[in-house]
């Protein structure tokens, strides 16, 4: 079969506070438990 790429963070906006190695904003969505629902929906829809 063909490999799929699922972007679990689709539809989420990075935190705007840029720091260190993340000048475009903080990409660490998984640190916010409120984002877990969106992750699960994106993964489910991608499978």
Protein backbone atom coordinates (compact mmCIF):
# COMPACT_ATOMS: atom_id res chain seq x y z
CA UNK A 1 0.00 0.00 0.00
CA UNK A 2 0.82 3.64 -0.21
CA UNK A 3 2.06 5.51 2.85
CA UNK A 4 -0.09 8.31 4.19
CA UNK A 5 1.09 11.37 6.04
CA UNK A 6 -1.28 12.56 8.73
CA UNK A 7 -0.67 16.00 10.18
CA UNK A 8 -2.15 15.71 13.65
CA UNK A 9 -1.76 19.44 14.26
CA UNK A 10 -3.81 20.45 11.19
CA UNK A 11 -6.22 23.23 12.08
CA UNK A 12 -4.27 24.30 15.15
CA UNK A 13 -2.36 27.59 15.35
CA UNK A 14 1.11 27.65 16.94
CA UNK A 15 1.44 29.80 20.02
CA UNK A 16 2.71 33.19 18.86
CA UNK A 17 5.46 33.51 21.47
CA UNK A 18 8.62 32.81 19.49
CA UNK A 19 11.57 31.56 21.50
CA UNK A 20 15.01 30.17 20.80
CA UNK A 21 14.90 27.66 17.98
CA UNK A 22 11.24 28.39 17.12
CA UNK A 23 11.17 31.88 15.55
CA UNK A 24 7.79 31.16 13.86
CA UNK A 25 6.03 30.42 17.16
CA UNK A 26 5.93 27.56 19.63
CA UNK A 27 4.99 24.34 17.77
CA UNK A 28 4.58 22.25 20.93
CA UNK A 29 0.84 21.68 20.64
CA UNK A 30 0.97 18.42 22.59
CA UNK A 31 1.70 20.29 25.81
CA UNK A 32 -1.88 21.59 25.83
CA UNK A 33 -4.33 18.81 26.76
CA UNK A 34 -7.14 20.79 25.09
CA UNK A 35 -5.54 20.04 21.72
CA UNK A 36 -5.71 16.26 22.19
CA UNK A 37 -9.29 16.12 20.89
CA UNK A 38 -8.24 17.81 17.64
CA UNK A 39 -5.23 15.46 17.31
CA UNK A 40 -7.46 12.42 17.67
CA UNK A 41 -9.98 13.76 15.15
CA UNK A 42 -7.22 14.49 12.62
CA UNK A 43 -5.66 11.05 13.07
CA UNK A 44 -9.05 9.31 12.85
CA UNK A 45 -9.97 11.21 9.69
CA UNK A 46 -6.61 10.43 8.11
CA UNK A 47 -6.83 6.69 8.63
